[in-house]
């Protein structure tokens, strides 16, 4: 019974720890902007400490993953805390939807 409770508790905890939002504006020529935000519970970050799973949850590292991508530019970024979650929000401009898809 304790094991079932522990599994249920951890499942609920992990599901509520990570959130993702995305918004895209697509122009008729295939160019556009995409804004995505990833939120991780501060309590989960504090539990993880220096774990490898969260070492890339950093605004500069996420921005850096797009820095050398042809036809894609980082338009804006920010890190903020809201309702107990730490959010990293990145806004990208892209010349072509095709370039954005093959970058993923």
PDB file of N, CA and C in Angstrom:
ATOM      1  N   UNK A   1       0.819  -1.191   0.000  1.00  0.00           N
ATOM      2  CA  UNK A   1       0.000   0.000   0.000  1.00  0.00           C
ATOM      3  C   UNK A   1       0.871   1.266   0.000  1.00  0.00           C
ATOM      4  N   UNK A   2       1.957   1.257   0.772  1.00  0.00           N
ATOM      5  CA  UNK A   2       2.843   2.420   0.806  1.00  0.00           C
ATOM      6  C   UNK A   2       3.475   2.652  -0.558  1.00  0.00           C
ATOM      7  N   UNK A   3       3.794   1.557  -1.238  1.00  0.00           N
ATOM      8  CA  UNK A   3       4.413   1.678  -2.559  1.00  0.00           C
ATOM      9  C   UNK A   3       3.438   2.302  -3.558  1.00  0.00           C
ATOM     10  N   UNK A   4       2.183   1.884  -3.532  1.00  0.00           N
ATOM     11  CA  UNK A   4       1.166   2.453  -4.409  1.00  0.00           C
ATOM     12  C   UNK A   4       0.991   3.944  -4.129  1.00  0.00           C
ATOM     13  N   UNK A   5       0.962   4.312  -2.855  1.00  0.00           N
ATOM     14  CA  UNK A   5       0.839   5.728  -2.491  1.00  0.00           C
ATOM     15  C   UNK A   5       2.036   6.519  -3.022  1.00  0.00           C
ATOM     16  N   UNK A   6       3.237   5.989  -2.853  1.00  0.00           N
ATOM     17  CA  UNK A   6       4.447   6.675  -3.314  1.00  0.00           C
ATOM     18  C   UNK A   6       4.432   6.853  -4.831  1.00  0.00           C
ATOM     19  N   UNK A   7       4.046   5.828  -5.562  1.00  0.00           N
ATOM     20  CA  UNK A   7       3.987   5.915  -7.025  1.00  0.00           C
ATOM     21  C   UNK A   7       2.941   6.940  -7.461  1.00  0.00           C
ATOM     22  N   UNK A   8       1.790   6.921  -6.832  1.00  0.00           N
ATOM     23  CA  UNK A   8       0.730   7.879  -7.157  1.00  0.00           C
ATOM     24  C   UNK A   8       1.177   9.301  -6.842  1.00  0.00           C
ATOM     25  N   UNK A   9       1.785   9.497  -5.686  1.00  0.00           N
ATOM     26  CA  UNK A   9       2.256  10.823  -5.287  1.00  0.00           C
ATOM     27  C   UNK A   9       3.303  11.347  -6.258  1.00  0.00           C
ATOM     28  N   UNK A  10       4.277  10.534  -6.615  1.00  0.00           N
ATOM     29  CA  UNK A  10       5.324  10.963  -7.546  1.00  0.00           C
ATOM     30  C   UNK A  10       4.762  11.258  -8.929  1.00  0.00           C
ATOM     31  N   UNK A  11       3.799  10.476  -9.376  1.00  0.00           N
ATOM     32  CA  UNK A  11       3.181  10.718 -10.676  1.00  0.00           C
ATOM     33  C   UNK A  11       2.482  12.072 -10.716  1.00  0.00           C
ATOM     34  N   UNK A  12       1.738  12.364  -9.687  1.00  0.00           N
ATOM     35  CA  UNK A  12       1.038  13.653  -9.614  1.00  0.00           C
ATOM     36  C   UNK A  12       2.049  14.792  -9.522  1.00  0.00           C
ATOM     37  N   UNK A  13       3.087  14.615  -8.737  1.00  0.00           N
ATOM     38  CA  UNK A  13       4.112  15.642  -8.573  1.00  0.00           C
ATOM     39  C   UNK A  13       4.802  15.944  -9.895  1.00  0.00           C
ATOM     40  N   UNK A  14       5.202  14.922 -10.621  1.00  0.00           N
ATOM     41  CA  UNK A  14       5.924  15.126 -11.871  1.00  0.00           C
ATOM     42  C   UNK A  14       5.045  15.712 -12.963  1.00  0.00           C
ATOM     43  N   UNK A  15       3.791  15.330 -13.024  1.00  0.00           N
ATOM     44  CA  UNK A  15       2.884  15.864 -14.043  1.00  0.00           C
ATOM     45  C   UNK A  15       2.667  17.354 -13.833  1.00  0.00           C
ATOM     46  N   UNK A  16       2.620  17.798 -12.605  1.00  0.00           N
ATOM     47  CA  UNK A  16       2.348  19.202 -12.326  1.00  0.00           C
ATOM     48  C   UNK A  16       3.610  20.056 -12.285  1.00  0.00           C
ATOM     49  N   UNK A  17       4.777  19.472 -12.530  1.00  0.00           N
ATOM     50  CA  UNK A  17       6.034  20.202 -12.397  1.00  0.00           C
ATOM     51  C   UNK A  17       6.467  20.925 -13.662  1.00  0.00           C
ATOM     52  N   UNK A  18       6.033  20.458 -14.821  1.00  0.00           N
ATOM     53  CA  UNK A  18       6.513  21.027 -16.079  1.00  0.00           C
ATOM     54  C   UNK A  18       5.317  21.463 -16.922  1.00  0.00           C
ATOM     55  N   UNK A  19       5.396  22.698 -17.433  1.00  0.00           N
ATOM     56  CA  UNK A  19       4.338  23.235 -18.287  1.00  0.00           C
ATOM     57  C   UNK A  19       4.972  23.796 -19.552  1.00  0.00           C
ATOM     58  N   UNK A  20       4.187  23.842 -20.620  1.00  0.00           N
ATOM     59  CA  UNK A  20       4.691  24.337 -21.899  1.00  0.00           C
ATOM     60  C   UNK A  20       3.591  25.126 -22.592  1.00  0.00           C
ATOM     61  N   UNK A  21       3.953  26.290 -23.122  1.00  0.00           N
ATOM     62  CA  UNK A  21       3.027  27.118 -23.903  1.00  0.00           C
ATOM     63  C   UNK A  21       3.720  27.496 -25.205  1.00  0.00           C
ATOM     64  N   UNK A  22       2.927  27.586 -26.264  1.00  0.00           N
ATOM     65  CA  UNK A  22       3.486  27.960 -27.562  1.00  0.00           C
ATOM     66  C   UNK A  22       2.472  28.813 -28.319  1.00  0.00           C
ATOM     67  N   UNK A  23       2.993  29.821 -29.006  1.00  0.00           N
ATOM     68  CA  UNK A  23       2.151  30.717 -29.808  1.00  0.00           C
ATOM     69  C   UNK A  23       2.908  31.012 -31.097  1.00  0.00           C
ATOM     70  N   UNK A  24       2.227  30.851 -32.237  1.00  0.00           N
ATOM     71  CA  UNK A  24       2.890  31.066 -33.519  1.00  0.00           C
ATOM     72  C   UNK A  24       2.100  32.043 -34.374  1.00  0.00           C
ATOM     73  N   UNK A  25       2.842  32.909 -35.053  1.00  0.00           N
ATOM     74  CA  UNK A  25       2.267  33.818 -36.038  1.00  0.00           C
ATOM     75  C   UNK A  25       2.901  33.443 -37.372  1.00  0.00           C
ATOM     76  N   UNK A  26       2.087  33.057 -38.336  1.00  0.00           N
ATOM     77  CA  UNK A  26       2.578  32.629 -39.635  1.00  0.00           C
ATOM     78  C   UNK A  26       2.100  33.604 -40.698  1.00  0.00           C
ATOM     79  N   UNK A  27       3.049  34.157 -41.449  1.00  0.00           N
ATOM     80  CA  UNK A  27       2.738  35.086 -42.528  1.00  0.00           C
ATOM     81  C   UNK A  27       2.460  34.319 -43.821  1.00  0.00           C
ATOM     82  N   UNK A  28       1.843  34.978 -44.792  1.00  0.00           N
ATOM     83  CA  UNK A  28       1.479  34.312 -46.046  1.00  0.00           C
ATOM     84  C   UNK A  28       2.698  33.851 -46.844  1.00  0.00           C
ATOM     85  N   UNK A  29       3.865  34.462 -46.615  1.00  0.00           N
ATOM     86  CA  UNK A  29       5.070  34.046 -47.340  1.00  0.00           C
ATOM     87  C   UNK A  29       5.832  32.910 -46.647  1.00  0.00           C
ATOM     88  N   UNK A  30       5.294  32.386 -45.542  1.00  0.00           N
ATOM     89  CA  UNK A  30       5.933  31.285 -44.823  1.00  0.00           C
ATOM     90  C   UNK A  30       6.837  31.727 -43.690  1.00  0.00           C
ATOM     91  N   UNK A  31       7.096  33.019 -43.584  1.00  0.00           N
ATOM     92  CA  UNK A  31       7.894  33.534 -42.472  1.00  0.00           C
ATOM     93  C   UNK A  31       6.981  33.716 -41.255  1.00  0.00           C
ATOM     94  N   UNK A  32       7.578  34.032 -40.128  1.00  0.00           N
ATOM     95  CA  UNK A  32       6.746  34.275 -38.964  1.00  0.00           C
ATOM     96  C   UNK A  32       7.529  34.357 -37.676  1.00  0.00           C
ATOM     97  N   UNK A  33       6.803  34.210 -36.593  1.00  0.00           N
ATOM     98  CA  UNK A  33       7.375  34.248 -35.251  1.00  0.00           C
ATOM     99  C   UNK A  33       6.754  33.133 -34.428  1.00  0.00           C
ATOM    100  N   UNK A  34       7.553  32.592 -33.542  1.00  0.00           N
ATOM    101  CA  UNK A  34       7.049  31.604 -32.599  1.00  0.00           C
ATOM    102  C   UNK A  34       7.571  31.965 -31.222  1.00  0.00           C
ATOM    103  N   UNK A  35       6.685  31.932 -30.255  1.00  0.00           N
ATOM    104  CA  UNK A  35       7.061  32.185 -28.869  1.00  0.00           C
ATOM    105  C   UNK A  35       6.720  30.928 -28.082  1.00  0.00           C
ATOM    106  N   UNK A  36       7.707  30.399 -27.398  1.00  0.00           N
ATOM    107  CA  UNK A  36       7.436  29.241 -26.550  1.00  0.00           C
ATOM    108  C   UNK A  36       7.965  29.520 -25.154  1.00  0.00           C
ATOM    109  N   UNK A  37       7.277  28.965 -24.182  1.00  0.00           N
ATOM    110  CA  UNK A  37       7.644  29.146 -22.784  1.00  0.00           C
ATOM    111  C   UNK A  37       7.583  27.794 -22.090  1.00  0.00           C
ATOM    112  N   UNK A  38       8.615  27.518 -21.321  1.00  0.00           N
ATOM    113  CA  UNK A  38       8.693  26.280 -20.561  1.00  0.00           C
ATOM    114  C   UNK A  38       8.730  26.672 -19.093  1.00  0.00           C
ATOM    115  N   UNK A  39       7.826  26.105 -18.316  1.00  0.00           N
ATOM    116  CA  UNK A  39       7.760  26.401 -16.889  1.00  0.00           C
ATOM    117  C   UNK A  39       8.052  25.160 -16.074  1.00  0.00           C
ATOM    118  N   UNK A  40       8.909  25.311 -15.091  1.00  0.00           N
ATOM    119  CA  UNK A  40       9.250  24.215 -14.184  1.00  0.00           C
ATOM    120  C   UNK A  40       9.009  24.685 -12.760  1.00  0.00           C
ATOM    121  N   UNK A  41       8.368  23.851 -11.985  1.00  0.00           N
ATOM    122  CA  UNK A  41       8.072  24.174 -10.597  1.00  0.00           C
ATOM    123  C   UNK A  41       9.355  24.463  -9.827  1.00  0.00           C
ATOM    124  N   UNK A  42       9.359  25.555  -9.086  1.00  0.00           N
ATOM    125  CA  UNK A  42      10.522  25.908  -8.265  1.00  0.00           C
ATOM    126  C   UNK A  42      10.840  24.793  -7.273  1.00  0.00           C
ATOM    127  N   UNK A  43       9.805  24.159  -6.721  1.00  0.00           N
ATOM    128  CA  UNK A  43      10.057  23.071  -5.766  1.00  0.00           C
ATOM    129  C   UNK A  43      10.735  21.897  -6.462  1.00  0.00           C
ATOM    130  N   UNK A  44      10.386  21.626  -7.714  1.00  0.00           N
ATOM    131  CA  UNK A  44      11.037  20.560  -8.476  1.00  0.00           C
ATOM    132  C   UNK A  44      12.488  20.931  -8.769  1.00  0.00           C
ATOM    133  N   UNK A  45      12.729  22.186  -9.117  1.00  0.00           N
ATOM    134  CA  UNK A  45      14.102  22.640  -9.354  1.00  0.00           C
ATOM    135  C   UNK A  45      14.940  22.515  -8.085  1.00  0.00           C
ATOM    136  N   UNK A  46      14.335  22.840  -6.950  1.00  0.00           N
ATOM    137  CA  UNK A  46      15.054  22.742  -5.680  1.00  0.00           C
ATOM    138  C   UNK A  46      15.333  21.297  -5.300  1.00  0.00           C
ATOM    139  N   UNK A  47      14.421  20.394  -5.638  1.00  0.00           N
ATOM    140  CA  UNK A  47      14.642  18.971  -5.388  1.00  0.00           C
ATOM    141  C   UNK A  47      15.771  18.429  -6.252  1.00  0.00           C
ATOM    142  N   UNK A  48      15.798  18.902  -7.509  1.00  0.00           N
ATOM    143  CA  UNK A  48      16.778  18.396  -8.460  1.00  0.00           C
ATOM    144  C   UNK A  48      18.183  18.849  -8.190  1.00  0.00           C
ATOM    145  N   UNK A  49      18.346  19.972  -7.529  1.00  0.00           N
ATOM    146  CA  UNK A  49      19.685  20.475  -7.251  1.00  0.00           C
ATOM    147  C   UNK A  49      20.488  20.646  -8.514  1.00  0.00           C
ATOM    148  N   UNK A  50      21.562  19.924  -8.645  1.00  0.00           N
ATOM    149  CA  UNK A  50      22.430  20.045  -9.820  1.00  0.00           C
ATOM    150  C   UNK A  50      22.277  18.842 -10.738  1.00  0.00           C
ATOM    151  N   UNK A  51      21.108  18.235 -10.768  1.00  0.00           N
ATOM    152  CA  UNK A  51      20.881  17.055 -11.599  1.00  0.00           C
ATOM    153  C   UNK A  51      21.035  17.347 -13.079  1.00  0.00           C
ATOM    154  N   UNK A  52      21.439  16.341 -13.832  1.00  0.00           N
ATOM    155  CA  UNK A  52      21.661  16.492 -15.263  1.00  0.00           C
ATOM    156  C   UNK A  52      20.388  16.802 -16.033  1.00  0.00           C
ATOM    157  N   UNK A  53      19.245  16.384 -15.518  1.00  0.00           N
ATOM    158  CA  UNK A  53      17.984  16.577 -16.223  1.00  0.00           C
ATOM    159  C   UNK A  53      17.666  18.052 -16.434  1.00  0.00           C
ATOM    160  N   UNK A  54      18.068  18.885 -15.508  1.00  0.00           N
ATOM    161  CA  UNK A  54      17.692  20.295 -15.562  1.00  0.00           C
ATOM    162  C   UNK A  54      18.856  21.222 -15.897  1.00  0.00           C
ATOM    163  N   UNK A  55      20.023  20.687 -16.212  1.00  0.00           N
ATOM    164  CA  UNK A  55      21.167  21.558 -16.452  1.00  0.00           C
ATOM    165  C   UNK A  55      20.990  22.408 -17.702  1.00  0.00           C
ATOM    166  N   UNK A  56      20.148  21.998 -18.649  1.00  0.00           N
ATOM    167  CA  UNK A  56      19.907  22.790 -19.851  1.00  0.00           C
ATOM    168  C   UNK A  56      18.702  23.720 -19.719  1.00  0.00           C
ATOM    169  N   UNK A  57      18.068  23.742 -18.554  1.00  0.00           N
ATOM    170  CA  UNK A  57      16.946  24.650 -18.332  1.00  0.00           C
ATOM    171  C   UNK A  57      17.505  26.010 -17.936  1.00  0.00           C
ATOM    172  N   UNK A  58      18.022  26.693 -18.932  1.00  0.00           N
ATOM    173  CA  UNK A  58      18.694  27.962 -18.745  1.00  0.00           C
ATOM    174  C   UNK A  58      18.446  28.804 -19.996  1.00  0.00           C
ATOM    175  N   UNK A  59      18.070  30.046 -19.800  1.00  0.00           N
ATOM    176  CA  UNK A  59      17.734  30.928 -20.915  1.00  0.00           C
ATOM    177  C   UNK A  59      18.861  31.016 -21.941  1.00  0.00           C
ATOM    178  N   UNK A  60      20.080  31.211 -21.475  1.00  0.00           N
ATOM    179  CA  UNK A  60      21.209  31.356 -22.401  1.00  0.00           C
ATOM    180  C   UNK A  60      21.491  30.069 -23.180  1.00  0.00           C
ATOM    181  N   UNK A  61      21.362  28.926 -22.521  1.00  0.00           N
ATOM    182  CA  UNK A  61      21.593  27.657 -23.221  1.00  0.00           C
ATOM    183  C   UNK A  61      20.522  27.396 -24.269  1.00  0.00           C
ATOM    184  N   UNK A  62      19.282  27.711 -23.950  1.00  0.00           N
ATOM    185  CA  UNK A  62      18.200  27.508 -24.917  1.00  0.00           C
ATOM    186  C   UNK A  62      18.373  28.470 -26.097  1.00  0.00           C
ATOM    187  N   UNK A  63      18.666  29.731 -25.810  1.00  0.00           N
ATOM    188  CA  UNK A  63      18.926  30.696 -26.888  1.00  0.00           C
ATOM    189  C   UNK A  63      20.105  30.246 -27.737  1.00  0.00           C
ATOM    190  N   UNK A  64      21.148  29.756 -27.098  1.00  0.00           N
ATOM    191  CA  UNK A  64      22.334  29.306 -27.813  1.00  0.00           C
ATOM    192  C   UNK A  64      22.068  28.173 -28.781  1.00  0.00           C
ATOM    193  N   UNK A  65      21.071  27.359 -28.486  1.00  0.00           N
ATOM    194  CA  UNK A  65      20.764  26.248 -29.391  1.00  0.00           C
ATOM    195  C   UNK A  65      20.179  26.732 -30.719  1.00  0.00           C
ATOM    196  N   UNK A  66      19.762  28.001 -30.786  1.00  0.00           N
ATOM    197  CA  UNK A  66      19.226  28.571 -32.022  1.00  0.00           C
ATOM    198  C   UNK A  66      20.181  29.580 -32.669  1.00  0.00           C
ATOM    199  N   UNK A  67      21.325  29.834 -32.055  1.00  0.00           N
ATOM    200  CA  UNK A  67      22.191  30.924 -32.509  1.00  0.00           C
ATOM    201  C   UNK A  67      22.807  30.708 -33.884  1.00  0.00           C
ATOM    202  N   UNK A  68      23.074  29.500 -34.278  1.00  0.00           N
ATOM    203  CA  UNK A  68      23.715  29.238 -35.570  1.00  0.00           C
ATOM    204  C   UNK A  68      22.770  28.606 -36.575  1.00  0.00           C
ATOM    205  N   UNK A  69      21.496  28.787 -36.412  1.00  0.00           N
ATOM    206  CA  UNK A  69      20.512  28.196 -37.312  1.00  0.00           C
ATOM    207  C   UNK A  69      20.174  29.175 -38.428  1.00  0.00           C
ATOM    208  N   UNK A  70      20.373  28.731 -39.643  1.00  0.00           N
ATOM    209  CA  UNK A  70      20.107  29.569 -40.812  1.00  0.00           C
ATOM    210  C   UNK A  70      18.633  29.958 -40.886  1.00  0.00           C
ATOM    211  N   UNK A  71      18.375  31.246 -41.059  1.00  0.00           N
ATOM    212  CA  UNK A  71      17.016  31.743 -41.243  1.00  0.00           C
ATOM    213  C   UNK A  71      16.202  31.866 -39.974  1.00  0.00           C
ATOM    214  N   UNK A  72      16.849  31.664 -38.818  1.00  0.00           N
ATOM    215  CA  UNK A  72      16.152  31.764 -37.534  1.00  0.00           C
ATOM    216  C   UNK A  72      16.941  32.709 -36.643  1.00  0.00           C
ATOM    217  N   UNK A  73      16.231  33.618 -35.985  1.00  0.00           N
ATOM    218  CA  UNK A  73      16.898  34.555 -35.079  1.00  0.00           C
ATOM    219  C   UNK A  73      16.107  34.639 -33.778  1.00  0.00           C
ATOM    220  N   UNK A  74      16.837  34.817 -32.700  1.00  0.00           N
ATOM    221  CA  UNK A  74      16.192  35.021 -31.399  1.00  0.00           C
ATOM    222  C   UNK A  74      15.796  36.486 -31.325  1.00  0.00           C
ATOM    223  N   UNK A  75      14.495  36.737 -31.263  1.00  0.00           N
ATOM    224  CA  UNK A  75      13.984  38.105 -31.225  1.00  0.00           C
ATOM    225  C   UNK A  75      13.938  38.643 -29.800  1.00  0.00           C
ATOM    226  N   UNK A  76      13.665  37.755 -28.838  1.00  0.00           N
ATOM    227  CA  UNK A  76      13.501  38.192 -27.458  1.00  0.00           C
ATOM    228  C   UNK A  76      13.557  36.972 -26.556  1.00  0.00           C
ATOM    229  N   UNK A  77      13.930  37.184 -25.317  1.00  0.00           N
ATOM    230  CA  UNK A  77      13.890  36.095 -24.341  1.00  0.00           C
ATOM    231  C   UNK A  77      13.813  36.689 -22.944  1.00  0.00           C
ATOM    232  N   UNK A  78      13.314  35.873 -22.028  1.00  0.00           N
ATOM    233  CA  UNK A  78      13.261  36.306 -20.637  1.00  0.00           C
ATOM    234  C   UNK A  78      13.061  35.102 -19.727  1.00  0.00           C
ATOM    235  N   UNK A  79      13.498  35.262 -18.501  1.00  0.00           N
ATOM    236  CA  UNK A  79      13.263  34.274 -17.452  1.00  0.00           C
ATOM    237  C   UNK A  79      12.504  34.987 -16.347  1.00  0.00           C
ATOM    238  N   UNK A  80      11.447  34.349 -15.861  1.00  0.00           N
ATOM    239  CA  UNK A  80      10.656  34.970 -14.800  1.00  0.00           C
ATOM    240  C   UNK A  80      10.015  33.893 -13.942  1.00  0.00           C
ATOM    241  N   UNK A  81       9.545  34.301 -12.780  1.00  0.00           N
ATOM    242  CA  UNK A  81       8.862  33.397 -11.863  1.00  0.00           C
ATOM    243  C   UNK A  81       7.419  33.840 -11.736  1.00  0.00           C
ATOM    244  N   UNK A  82       6.507  32.855 -11.829  1.00  0.00           N
ATOM    245  CA  UNK A  82       5.078  33.153 -11.706  1.00  0.00           C
ATOM    246  C   UNK A  82       4.379  31.947 -11.099  1.00  0.00           C
ATOM    247  N   UNK A  83       3.606  32.173 -10.068  1.00  0.00           N
ATOM    248  CA  UNK A  83       2.817  31.133  -9.408  1.00  0.00           C
ATOM    249  C   UNK A  83       3.641  29.913  -9.020  1.00  0.00           C
ATOM    250  N   UNK A  84       4.838  30.148  -8.519  1.00  0.00           N
ATOM    251  CA  UNK A  84       5.680  29.055  -8.055  1.00  0.00           C
ATOM    252  C   UNK A  84       6.424  28.308  -9.148  1.00  0.00           C
ATOM    253  N   UNK A  85       6.372  28.817 -10.377  1.00  0.00           N
ATOM    254  CA  UNK A  85       7.085  28.193 -11.488  1.00  0.00           C
ATOM    255  C   UNK A  85       8.133  29.149 -12.034  1.00  0.00           C
ATOM    256  N   UNK A  86       9.271  28.599 -12.431  1.00  0.00           N
ATOM    257  CA  UNK A  86      10.276  29.386 -13.137  1.00  0.00           C
ATOM    258  C   UNK A  86      10.067  29.146 -14.628  1.00  0.00           C
ATOM    259  N   UNK A  87       9.892  30.243 -15.362  1.00  0.00           N
ATOM    260  CA  UNK A  87       9.606  30.184 -16.795  1.00  0.00           C
ATOM    261  C   UNK A  87      10.785  30.717 -17.602  1.00  0.00           C
ATOM    262  N   UNK A  88      11.065  30.046 -18.694  1.00  0.00           N
ATOM    263  CA  UNK A  88      11.982  30.558 -19.704  1.00  0.00           C
ATOM    264  C   UNK A  88      11.152  30.728 -20.970  1.00  0.00           C
ATOM    265  N   UNK A  89      11.101  31.953 -21.478  1.00  0.00           N
ATOM    266  CA  UNK A  89      10.308  32.276 -22.666  1.00  0.00           C
ATOM    267  C   UNK A  89      11.250  32.766 -23.766  1.00  0.00           C
ATOM    268  N   UNK A  90      11.117  32.173 -24.945  1.00  0.00           N
ATOM    269  CA  UNK A  90      11.960  32.525 -26.080  1.00  0.00           C
ATOM    270  C   UNK A  90      11.049  32.874 -27.256  1.00  0.00           C
ATOM    271  N   UNK A  91      11.352  33.978 -27.923  1.00  0.00           N
ATOM    272  CA  UNK A  91      10.624  34.383 -29.131  1.00  0.00           C
ATOM    273  C   UNK A  91      11.595  34.313 -30.302  1.00  0.00           C
ATOM    274  N   UNK A  92      11.230  33.524 -31.303  1.00  0.00           N
ATOM    275  CA  UNK A  92      12.061  33.348 -32.493  1.00  0.00           C
ATOM    276  C   UNK A  92      11.378  33.953 -33.702  1.00  0.00           C
ATOM    277  N   UNK A  93      12.146  34.555 -34.568  1.00  0.00           N
ATOM    278  CA  UNK A  93      11.672  34.968 -35.882  1.00  0.00           C
ATOM    279  C   UNK A  93      12.246  33.980 -36.888  1.00  0.00           C
ATOM    280  N   UNK A  94      11.458  33.601 -37.892  1.00  0.00           N
ATOM    281  CA  UNK A  94      11.963  32.666 -38.889  1.00  0.00           C
ATOM    282  C   UNK A  94      11.568  33.116 -40.287  1.00  0.00           C
ATOM    283  N   UNK A  95      12.461  32.837 -41.243  1.00  0.00           N
ATOM    284  CA  UNK A  95      12.233  33.224 -42.630  1.00  0.00           C
ATOM    285  C   UNK A  95      11.319  32.256 -43.356  1.00  0.00           C
ATOM    286  N   UNK A  96      11.294  31.014 -42.885  1.00  0.00           N
ATOM    287  CA  UNK A  96      10.506  29.980 -43.540  1.00  0.00           C
ATOM    288  C   UNK A  96      10.087  28.942 -42.510  1.00  0.00           C
ATOM    289  N   UNK A  97       8.852  28.505 -42.595  1.00  0.00           N
ATOM    290  CA  UNK A  97       8.368  27.457 -41.707  1.00  0.00           C
ATOM    291  C   UNK A  97       9.187  26.186 -41.907  1.00  0.00           C
ATOM    292  N   UNK A  98       9.607  25.928 -43.128  1.00  0.00           N
ATOM    293  CA  UNK A  98      10.423  24.749 -43.419  1.00  0.00           C
ATOM    294  C   UNK A  98      11.733  24.783 -42.625  1.00  0.00           C
ATOM    295  N   UNK A  99      12.382  25.935 -42.562  1.00  0.00           N
ATOM    296  CA  UNK A  99      13.621  26.055 -41.787  1.00  0.00           C
ATOM    297  C   UNK A  99      13.371  25.802 -40.302  1.00  0.00           C
ATOM    298  N   UNK A 100      12.253  26.247 -39.818  1.00  0.00           N
ATOM    299  CA  UNK A 100      11.924  26.034 -38.397  1.00  0.00           C
ATOM    300  C   UNK A 100      11.711  24.559 -38.123  1.00  0.00           C
ATOM    301  N   UNK A 101      11.027  23.870 -39.010  1.00  0.00           N
ATOM    302  CA  UNK A 101      10.728  22.445 -38.802  1.00  0.00           C
ATOM    303  C   UNK A 101      11.991  21.602 -38.851  1.00  0.00           C
ATOM    304  N   UNK A 102      12.882  21.852 -39.799  1.00  0.00           N
ATOM    305  CA  UNK A 102      14.080  21.014 -39.890  1.00  0.00           C
ATOM    306  C   UNK A 102      15.063  21.326 -38.773  1.00  0.00           C
ATOM    307  N   UNK A 103      14.920  22.464 -38.114  1.00  0.00           N
ATOM    308  CA  UNK A 103      15.772  22.816 -36.981  1.00  0.00           C
ATOM    309  C   UNK A 103      15.410  21.990 -35.772  1.00  0.00           C
ATOM    310  N   UNK A 104      14.164  21.649 -35.627  1.00  0.00           N
ATOM    311  CA  UNK A 104      13.718  20.889 -34.466  1.00  0.00           C
ATOM    312  C   UNK A 104      14.403  19.572 -34.492  1.00  0.00           C
TER     313      UNK A 104
END
